[in-house]
Amino acid sequence: MNLGYKLQINEFATKLQINEFATKTHHEFRKTHGDSKGGHFIAFHGIPKTNLSSSYNDIDINAIPPRMDWREHIVVTRVKNQGQCGSCFAFAAVGAIEGINAIRTGQLLSL
């Protein structure tokens, strides 16, 4: 890769900061914040897949912006520390609800 390409990609990259996880080893992090092997996904294995492509036939692909950052629209709350909960799907669902609520009401509420 050339330097120009890397600089262009990094311009839009996520900016990281030092937090409480920065000094933990991989082992320490896994021990204190879940050692899930994905077993909770097994519960969803039998769900039939629905073909959603027909639902999107009326969307003009050219009307979709090339980039969307919901943080710029103030509809995303800070990342929450789930600790040893191991229920990342619940935190993701709450984050989605917070965002949808902010888009619909214009008020960002951290649940």
C-alpha atoms as a PDB file:
ATOM      1  CA  MET A   1       0.000   0.000   0.000  1.00  0.00           C
ATOM      2  CA  ASN A   2       1.201   3.470  -0.691  1.00  0.00           C
ATOM      3  CA  LEU A   3       1.378   6.269   1.862  1.00  0.00           C
ATOM      4  CA  GLY A   4      -1.239   8.430   0.120  1.00  0.00           C
ATOM      5  CA  TYR A   5      -3.800   5.625   0.275  1.00  0.00           C
ATOM      6  CA  LYS A   6      -3.083   4.948   3.959  1.00  0.00           C
ATOM      7  CA  LEU A   7      -3.452   8.625   4.823  1.00  0.00           C
ATOM      8  CA  GLN A   8      -6.744   8.804   2.941  1.00  0.00           C
ATOM      9  CA  ILE A   9      -8.131   5.739   4.730  1.00  0.00           C
ATOM     10  CA  ASN A  10      -6.895   6.928   8.131  1.00  0.00           C
ATOM     11  CA  GLU A  11      -8.627  10.278   7.675  1.00  0.00           C
ATOM     12  CA  PHE A  12     -11.955   8.507   8.251  1.00  0.00           C
ATOM     13  CA  ALA A  13     -10.687   5.923  10.736  1.00  0.00           C
ATOM     14  CA  THR A  14     -12.039   5.573  14.243  1.00  0.00           C
ATOM     15  CA  LYS A  15     -10.168   7.671  16.780  1.00  0.00           C
ATOM     16  CA  LEU A  16      -9.191   5.626  19.828  1.00  0.00           C
ATOM     17  CA  GLN A  17      -8.465   6.898  23.310  1.00  0.00           C
ATOM     18  CA  ILE A  18      -6.915   5.405  26.424  1.00  0.00           C
ATOM     19  CA  ASN A  19      -9.585   3.816  28.612  1.00  0.00           C
ATOM     20  CA  GLU A  20      -9.842   1.251  31.397  1.00  0.00           C
ATOM     21  CA  PHE A  21      -9.129  -1.587  28.951  1.00  0.00           C
ATOM     22  CA  ALA A  22      -5.856  -0.195  27.587  1.00  0.00           C
ATOM     23  CA  THR A  23      -3.592  -1.834  30.169  1.00  0.00           C
ATOM     24  CA  LYS A  24      -5.301  -5.231  30.191  1.00  0.00           C
ATOM     25  CA  THR A  25      -3.798  -8.208  28.412  1.00  0.00           C
ATOM     26  CA  HIS A  26      -6.050 -10.181  26.074  1.00  0.00           C
ATOM     27  CA  HIS A  27      -6.361 -12.881  28.761  1.00  0.00           C
ATOM     28  CA  GLU A  28      -7.305 -10.356  31.471  1.00  0.00           C
ATOM     29  CA  PHE A  29      -9.918  -8.758  29.246  1.00  0.00           C
ATOM     30  CA  ARG A  30     -11.511 -12.094  28.322  1.00  0.00           C
ATOM     31  CA  LYS A  31     -11.503 -13.210  31.973  1.00  0.00           C
ATOM     32  CA  THR A  32     -13.276 -10.109  33.264  1.00  0.00           C
ATOM     33  CA  HIS A  33     -15.458  -9.172  30.299  1.00  0.00           C
ATOM     34  CA  GLY A  34     -16.812 -12.426  29.003  1.00  0.00           C
ATOM     35  CA  ASP A  35     -15.260 -15.494  27.484  1.00  0.00           C
ATOM     36  CA  SER A  36     -18.141 -16.227  25.165  1.00  0.00           C
ATOM     37  CA  LYS A  37     -17.473 -18.733  22.436  1.00  0.00           C
ATOM     38  CA  GLY A  38     -20.644 -17.710  20.636  1.00  0.00           C
ATOM     39  CA  GLY A  39     -22.870 -20.322  22.278  1.00  0.00           C
ATOM     40  CA  HIS A  40     -25.747 -17.858  22.511  1.00  0.00           C
ATOM     41  CA  PHE A  41     -25.919 -17.844  18.702  1.00  0.00           C
ATOM     42  CA  ILE A  42     -26.902 -21.501  18.734  1.00  0.00           C
ATOM     43  CA  ALA A  43     -30.305 -20.509  20.108  1.00  0.00           C
ATOM     44  CA  PHE A  44     -30.977 -18.639  16.865  1.00  0.00           C
ATOM     45  CA  HIS A  45     -29.678 -21.334  14.516  1.00  0.00           C
ATOM     46  CA  GLY A  46     -33.070 -22.682  13.527  1.00  0.00           C
ATOM     47  CA  ILE A  47     -34.680 -19.370  12.572  1.00  0.00           C
ATOM     48  CA  PRO A  48     -35.680 -19.482   8.894  1.00  0.00           C
ATOM     49  CA  LYS A  49     -34.086 -16.856   6.700  1.00  0.00           C
ATOM     50  CA  THR A  50     -36.465 -14.430   5.053  1.00  0.00           C
ATOM     51  CA  ASN A  51     -35.791 -12.996   1.632  1.00  0.00           C
ATOM     52  CA  LEU A  52     -35.903  -9.257   2.273  1.00  0.00           C
ATOM     53  CA  SER A  53     -34.662  -8.207  -1.152  1.00  0.00           C
ATOM     54  CA  SER A  54     -38.210  -7.702  -2.441  1.00  0.00           C
ATOM     55  CA  SER A  55     -38.802  -5.150   0.336  1.00  0.00           C
ATOM     56  CA  TYR A  56     -36.143  -2.859  -1.085  1.00  0.00           C
ATOM     57  CA  ASN A  57     -37.059  -2.860  -4.777  1.00  0.00           C
ATOM     58  CA  ASP A  58     -38.423   0.700  -4.629  1.00  0.00           C
ATOM     59  CA  ILE A  59     -35.243   2.260  -3.181  1.00  0.00           C
ATOM     60  CA  ASP A  60     -33.164   4.433  -5.499  1.00  0.00           C
ATOM     61  CA  ILE A  61     -29.601   3.301  -4.842  1.00  0.00           C
ATOM     62  CA  ASN A  62     -28.281   6.630  -6.146  1.00  0.00           C
ATOM     63  CA  ALA A  63     -30.217   8.512  -3.450  1.00  0.00           C
ATOM     64  CA  ILE A  64     -28.259   6.768  -0.700  1.00  0.00           C
ATOM     65  CA  PRO A  65     -25.388   8.957   0.545  1.00  0.00           C
ATOM     66  CA  PRO A  66     -21.904   7.467   0.129  1.00  0.00           C
ATOM     67  CA  ARG A  67     -21.206   8.088   3.824  1.00  0.00           C
ATOM     68  CA  MET A  68     -23.414   8.343   6.901  1.00  0.00           C
ATOM     69  CA  ASP A  69     -22.078   9.041  10.384  1.00  0.00           C
ATOM     70  CA  TRP A  70     -24.939   9.105  12.874  1.00  0.00           C
ATOM     71  CA  ARG A  71     -22.639  10.672  15.487  1.00  0.00           C
ATOM     72  CA  GLU A  72     -22.746  13.862  13.411  1.00  0.00           C
ATOM     73  CA  HIS A  73     -26.538  13.888  13.816  1.00  0.00           C
ATOM     74  CA  ILE A  74     -26.295  13.448  17.618  1.00  0.00           C
ATOM     75  CA  VAL A  75     -28.358  10.252  17.658  1.00  0.00           C
ATOM     76  CA  VAL A  76     -25.752   7.875  19.134  1.00  0.00           C
ATOM     77  CA  THR A  77     -24.966   7.507  22.835  1.00  0.00           C
ATOM     78  CA  ARG A  78     -21.559   6.702  24.284  1.00  0.00           C
ATOM     79  CA  VAL A  79     -20.375   3.096  24.287  1.00  0.00           C
ATOM     80  CA  LYS A  80     -21.508   1.318  27.430  1.00  0.00           C
ATOM     81  CA  ASN A  81     -19.341  -1.031  29.475  1.00  0.00           C
ATOM     82  CA  GLN A  82     -21.167  -4.356  29.639  1.00  0.00           C
ATOM     83  CA  GLY A  83     -18.640  -5.764  32.108  1.00  0.00           C
ATOM     84  CA  GLN A  84     -19.109  -9.486  32.677  1.00  0.00           C
ATOM     85  CA  CYS A  85     -22.676  -9.473  31.403  1.00  0.00           C
ATOM     86  CA  GLY A  86     -21.825 -11.262  28.149  1.00  0.00           C
ATOM     87  CA  SER A  87     -25.103 -10.147  26.573  1.00  0.00           C
ATOM     88  CA  CYS A  88     -23.700  -7.953  23.840  1.00  0.00           C
ATOM     89  CA  PHE A  89     -26.865  -8.482  21.794  1.00  0.00           C
ATOM     90  CA  ALA A  90     -28.883  -6.746  24.526  1.00  0.00           C
ATOM     91  CA  PHE A  91     -26.524  -3.763  24.554  1.00  0.00           C
ATOM     92  CA  ALA A  92     -26.702  -3.600  20.755  1.00  0.00           C
ATOM     93  CA  ALA A  93     -30.509  -3.689  20.881  1.00  0.00           C
ATOM     94  CA  VAL A  94     -30.611  -0.895  23.466  1.00  0.00           C
ATOM     95  CA  GLY A  95     -28.227   1.168  21.319  1.00  0.00           C
ATOM     96  CA  ALA A  96     -30.501   0.698  18.318  1.00  0.00           C
ATOM     97  CA  ILE A  97     -33.553   1.724  20.358  1.00  0.00           C
ATOM     98  CA  GLU A  98     -31.727   4.818  21.652  1.00  0.00           C
ATOM     99  CA  GLY A  99     -30.833   5.823  18.102  1.00  0.00           C
ATOM    100  CA  ILE A 100     -34.296   5.244  16.657  1.00  0.00           C
ATOM    101  CA  ASN A 101     -35.843   7.168  19.539  1.00  0.00           C
ATOM    102  CA  ALA A 102     -33.438  10.092  18.959  1.00  0.00           C
ATOM    103  CA  ILE A 103     -34.184  10.146  15.224  1.00  0.00           C
ATOM    104  CA  ARG A 104     -37.960  10.131  15.814  1.00  0.00           C
ATOM    105  CA  THR A 105     -38.139  12.528  18.776  1.00  0.00           C
ATOM    106  CA  GLY A 106     -35.066  14.708  18.291  1.00  0.00           C
ATOM    107  CA  GLN A 107     -33.963  13.939  21.857  1.00  0.00           C
ATOM    108  CA  LEU A 108     -31.068  11.602  22.642  1.00  0.00           C
ATOM    109  CA  LEU A 109     -31.775   9.561  25.761  1.00  0.00           C
ATOM    110  CA  SER A 110     -29.247   7.084  27.163  1.00  0.00           C
ATOM    111  CA  LEU A 111     -31.189   4.084  28.486  1.00  0.00           C
END
